[in-house]
Amino acid sequence: MTIEEIIIDKVKILPPDKQQEALDFVEFLLAKMQNQGLYNQPNKSGISALSLAQEYVGCVEAASDLSTNKDYMDTLFLISSK
């Protein structure tokens, strides 16, 4: 069993207020390491919707700008108002 697994098992049996204390202590240790330059928080910027849908960009044939197509916009309004 790894140290990580042992810590997780022990934290699970603590009451919620003691779990919060344990979390506070871990965050304190991480902040201390960060101040010493030993720890860099991972980048949590995420992934853009475009990068997830990149393979589908351009796979539908349509007018270049549907917002200028009045008939399309009228149809959309009729469908959404039902």
N, C-alpha and C. Protein backbone atom coordinates (compact mmCIF):
# COMPACT_ATOMS: atom_id res chain seq x y z
N MET A 1 0.85 -1.18 0.00
CA MET A 1 0.00 0.00 0.00
C MET A 1 0.90 1.25 0.00
N THR A 2 0.56 2.22 -0.86
CA THR A 2 1.37 3.43 -0.95
C THR A 2 1.00 4.41 0.17
N ILE A 3 1.86 5.38 0.38
CA ILE A 3 1.58 6.41 1.39
C ILE A 3 0.29 7.15 1.06
N GLU A 4 0.09 7.44 -0.22
CA GLU A 4 -1.13 8.13 -0.66
C GLU A 4 -2.37 7.33 -0.27
N GLU A 5 -2.35 6.03 -0.51
CA GLU A 5 -3.50 5.18 -0.17
C GLU A 5 -3.73 5.13 1.34
N ILE A 6 -2.66 5.07 2.12
CA ILE A 6 -2.78 5.05 3.58
C ILE A 6 -3.41 6.36 4.07
N ILE A 7 -2.93 7.48 3.52
CA ILE A 7 -3.49 8.79 3.92
C ILE A 7 -4.97 8.86 3.58
N ILE A 8 -5.32 8.44 2.38
CA ILE A 8 -6.73 8.47 1.96
C ILE A 8 -7.59 7.62 2.88
N ASP A 9 -7.13 6.40 3.20
CA ASP A 9 -7.89 5.52 4.09
C ASP A 9 -8.10 6.15 5.47
N LYS A 10 -7.07 6.78 5.99
CA LYS A 10 -7.16 7.38 7.33
C LYS A 10 -8.06 8.62 7.32
N VAL A 11 -7.97 9.42 6.26
CA VAL A 11 -8.80 10.62 6.17
C VAL A 11 -10.28 10.25 6.04
N LYS A 12 -10.57 9.17 5.37
CA LYS A 12 -11.96 8.74 5.18
C LYS A 12 -12.68 8.46 6.50
N ILE A 13 -11.94 8.04 7.53
CA ILE A 13 -12.59 7.71 8.80
C ILE A 13 -12.73 8.91 9.73
N LEU A 14 -12.12 10.04 9.35
CA LEU A 14 -12.23 11.25 10.16
C LEU A 14 -13.59 11.90 9.97
N PRO A 15 -14.09 12.59 11.01
CA PRO A 15 -15.33 13.37 10.84
C PRO A 15 -15.06 14.56 9.90
N PRO A 16 -16.11 15.12 9.29
CA PRO A 16 -15.93 16.19 8.30
C PRO A 16 -15.09 17.38 8.80
N ASP A 17 -15.25 17.78 10.06
CA ASP A 17 -14.47 18.94 10.53
C ASP A 17 -12.97 18.61 10.59
N LYS A 18 -12.64 17.37 10.91
CA LYS A 18 -11.22 16.96 10.94
C LYS A 18 -10.69 16.76 9.52
N GLN A 19 -11.56 16.33 8.60
CA GLN A 19 -11.15 16.24 7.19
C GLN A 19 -10.80 17.63 6.67
N GLN A 20 -11.58 18.64 7.08
CA GLN A 20 -11.30 20.01 6.67
C GLN A 20 -9.96 20.47 7.22
N GLU A 21 -9.67 20.11 8.46
CA GLU A 21 -8.37 20.45 9.05
C GLU A 21 -7.23 19.80 8.26
N ALA A 22 -7.42 18.55 7.88
CA ALA A 22 -6.39 17.85 7.10
C ALA A 22 -6.18 18.54 5.76
N LEU A 23 -7.29 18.94 5.12
CA LEU A 23 -7.19 19.65 3.85
C LEU A 23 -6.47 20.98 4.03
N ASP A 24 -6.82 21.71 5.09
CA ASP A 24 -6.14 22.97 5.37
C ASP A 24 -4.63 22.77 5.54
N PHE A 25 -4.25 21.71 6.22
CA PHE A 25 -2.84 21.43 6.45
C PHE A 25 -2.12 21.09 5.13
N VAL A 26 -2.77 20.29 4.29
CA VAL A 26 -2.17 19.94 3.00
C VAL A 26 -2.00 21.21 2.16
N GLU A 27 -3.02 22.08 2.16
CA GLU A 27 -2.91 23.32 1.40
C GLU A 27 -1.80 24.22 1.96
N PHE A 28 -1.64 24.21 3.28
CA PHE A 28 -0.54 24.96 3.90
C PHE A 28 0.80 24.43 3.41
N LEU A 29 0.96 23.10 3.40
CA LEU A 29 2.21 22.51 2.94
C LEU A 29 2.49 22.86 1.48
N LEU A 30 1.44 22.82 0.64
CA LEU A 30 1.61 23.16 -0.78
C LEU A 30 2.01 24.63 -0.94
N ALA A 31 1.37 25.51 -0.18
CA ALA A 31 1.72 26.94 -0.25
C ALA A 31 3.16 27.16 0.18
N LYS A 32 3.58 26.47 1.23
CA LYS A 32 4.95 26.58 1.72
C LYS A 32 5.94 26.11 0.65
N MET A 33 5.62 25.00 0.00
CA MET A 33 6.49 24.50 -1.08
C MET A 33 6.52 25.47 -2.25
N GLN A 34 5.36 26.06 -2.55
CA GLN A 34 5.30 27.01 -3.66
C GLN A 34 6.15 28.24 -3.37
N ASN A 35 6.12 28.71 -2.13
CA ASN A 35 6.95 29.86 -1.74
C ASN A 35 8.44 29.55 -1.85
N GLN A 36 8.78 28.29 -1.64
CA GLN A 36 10.19 27.88 -1.74
C GLN A 36 10.57 27.52 -3.18
N GLY A 37 9.59 27.60 -4.10
CA GLY A 37 9.86 27.28 -5.50
C GLY A 37 9.92 25.80 -5.78
N LEU A 38 9.38 25.00 -4.87
CA LEU A 38 9.43 23.54 -5.05
C LEU A 38 8.17 22.97 -5.68
N TYR A 39 7.15 23.80 -5.84
CA TYR A 39 5.87 23.30 -6.35
C TYR A 39 5.24 24.36 -7.23
N ASN A 40 4.81 23.96 -8.40
CA ASN A 40 4.06 24.84 -9.30
C ASN A 40 2.68 24.25 -9.48
N GLN A 41 1.66 25.07 -9.20
CA GLN A 41 0.29 24.58 -9.36
C GLN A 41 0.04 24.30 -10.83
N PRO A 42 -0.64 23.18 -11.12
CA PRO A 42 -0.93 22.88 -12.52
C PRO A 42 -1.86 23.93 -13.12
N ASN A 43 -1.69 24.16 -14.42
CA ASN A 43 -2.53 25.12 -15.14
C ASN A 43 -3.93 24.55 -15.29
N LYS A 44 -4.94 25.29 -14.82
CA LYS A 44 -6.32 24.82 -14.89
C LYS A 44 -7.11 25.63 -15.90
N SER A 45 -6.48 25.98 -17.01
CA SER A 45 -7.16 26.81 -18.00
C SER A 45 -8.23 26.03 -18.76
N GLY A 46 -8.11 24.72 -18.81
CA GLY A 46 -9.13 23.92 -19.47
C GLY A 46 -8.92 23.83 -20.97
N ILE A 47 -9.91 23.28 -21.63
CA ILE A 47 -9.87 23.07 -23.06
C ILE A 47 -11.00 23.86 -23.68
N SER A 48 -10.73 24.48 -24.82
CA SER A 48 -11.76 25.27 -25.47
C SER A 48 -12.74 24.37 -26.20
N ALA A 49 -13.96 24.87 -26.39
CA ALA A 49 -14.98 24.14 -27.14
C ALA A 49 -14.52 23.91 -28.58
N LEU A 50 -13.83 24.91 -29.13
CA LEU A 50 -13.33 24.77 -30.50
C LEU A 50 -12.36 23.61 -30.63
N SER A 51 -11.44 23.48 -29.68
CA SER A 51 -10.47 22.39 -29.79
C SER A 51 -11.15 21.03 -29.66
N LEU A 52 -12.22 20.95 -28.86
CA LEU A 52 -12.95 19.68 -28.75
C LEU A 52 -13.73 19.34 -30.01
N ALA A 53 -14.21 20.37 -30.70
CA ALA A 53 -15.05 20.15 -31.88
C ALA A 53 -14.28 20.35 -33.19
N GLN A 54 -12.97 20.48 -33.11
CA GLN A 54 -12.15 20.83 -34.28
C GLN A 54 -12.39 19.89 -35.46
N GLU A 55 -12.55 18.61 -35.21
CA GLU A 55 -12.72 17.67 -36.33
C GLU A 55 -14.04 17.86 -37.05
N TYR A 56 -15.00 18.56 -36.42
CA TYR A 56 -16.31 18.77 -37.03
C TYR A 56 -16.46 20.12 -37.70
N VAL A 57 -15.47 20.99 -37.54
CA VAL A 57 -15.53 22.32 -38.15
C VAL A 57 -15.56 22.17 -39.67
N GLY A 58 -16.58 22.77 -40.28
CA GLY A 58 -16.70 22.76 -41.73
C GLY A 58 -17.32 21.51 -42.31
N CYS A 59 -17.82 20.60 -41.50
CA CYS A 59 -18.37 19.35 -42.04
C CYS A 59 -19.83 19.50 -42.49
N VAL A 60 -20.46 20.64 -42.23
CA VAL A 60 -21.84 20.88 -42.63
C VAL A 60 -21.85 21.92 -43.72
N GLU A 61 -22.60 21.64 -44.79
CA GLU A 61 -22.70 22.61 -45.88
C GLU A 61 -23.85 23.55 -45.57
N ALA A 62 -23.55 24.84 -45.54
CA ALA A 62 -24.56 25.86 -45.27
C ALA A 62 -24.02 27.21 -45.73
N ALA A 63 -24.88 28.20 -45.66
CA ALA A 63 -24.43 29.55 -45.98
C ALA A 63 -23.32 29.94 -45.01
N SER A 64 -22.46 30.84 -45.45
CA SER A 64 -21.34 31.19 -44.59
C SER A 64 -21.78 31.88 -43.30
N ASP A 65 -22.90 32.62 -43.34
CA ASP A 65 -23.39 33.29 -42.14
C ASP A 65 -24.90 33.13 -42.07
N LEU A 66 -25.37 32.18 -41.29
CA LEU A 66 -26.80 31.90 -41.22
C LEU A 66 -27.58 33.05 -40.59
N SER A 67 -26.93 33.91 -39.85
CA SER A 67 -27.65 35.01 -39.21
C SER A 67 -28.17 36.03 -40.22
N THR A 68 -27.62 36.03 -41.44
CA THR A 68 -28.09 36.96 -42.47
C THR A 68 -29.18 36.32 -43.32
N ASN A 69 -29.48 35.07 -43.13
CA ASN A 69 -30.50 34.38 -43.91
C ASN A 69 -31.84 34.51 -43.17
N LYS A 70 -32.67 35.46 -43.60
CA LYS A 70 -33.92 35.77 -42.91
C LYS A 70 -34.84 34.56 -42.85
N ASP A 71 -34.95 33.79 -43.92
CA ASP A 71 -35.83 32.61 -43.91
C ASP A 71 -35.38 31.60 -42.87
N TYR A 72 -34.09 31.39 -42.75
CA TYR A 72 -33.57 30.46 -41.75
C TYR A 72 -33.89 30.96 -40.35
N MET A 73 -33.70 32.25 -40.12
CA MET A 73 -33.96 32.81 -38.80
C MET A 73 -35.45 32.72 -38.45
N ASP A 74 -36.33 32.95 -39.45
CA ASP A 74 -37.78 32.82 -39.21
C ASP A 74 -38.14 31.39 -38.85
N THR A 75 -37.55 30.43 -39.54
CA THR A 75 -37.81 29.02 -39.25
C THR A 75 -37.35 28.67 -37.84
N LEU A 76 -36.20 29.18 -37.48
CA LEU A 76 -35.68 28.94 -36.13
C LEU A 76 -36.62 29.51 -35.08
N PHE A 77 -37.13 30.71 -35.31
CA PHE A 77 -38.04 31.34 -34.36
C PHE A 77 -39.33 30.53 -34.23
N LEU A 78 -39.84 30.04 -35.36
CA LEU A 78 -41.08 29.26 -35.33
C LEU A 78 -40.89 27.96 -34.56
N ILE A 79 -39.75 27.30 -34.74
CA ILE A 79 -39.49 26.03 -34.06
C ILE A 79 -39.34 26.26 -32.57
N SER A 80 -38.62 27.30 -32.18
CA SER A 80 -38.36 27.54 -30.76
C SER A 80 -39.59 28.07 -30.03
N SER A 81 -40.55 28.66 -30.73
CA SER A 81 -41.72 29.22 -30.05
C SER A 81 -42.85 28.23 -29.89
N LYS A 82 -42.69 27.01 -30.42
CA LYS A 82 -43.75 25.98 -30.28
C LYS A 82 -43.79 25.42 -28.90
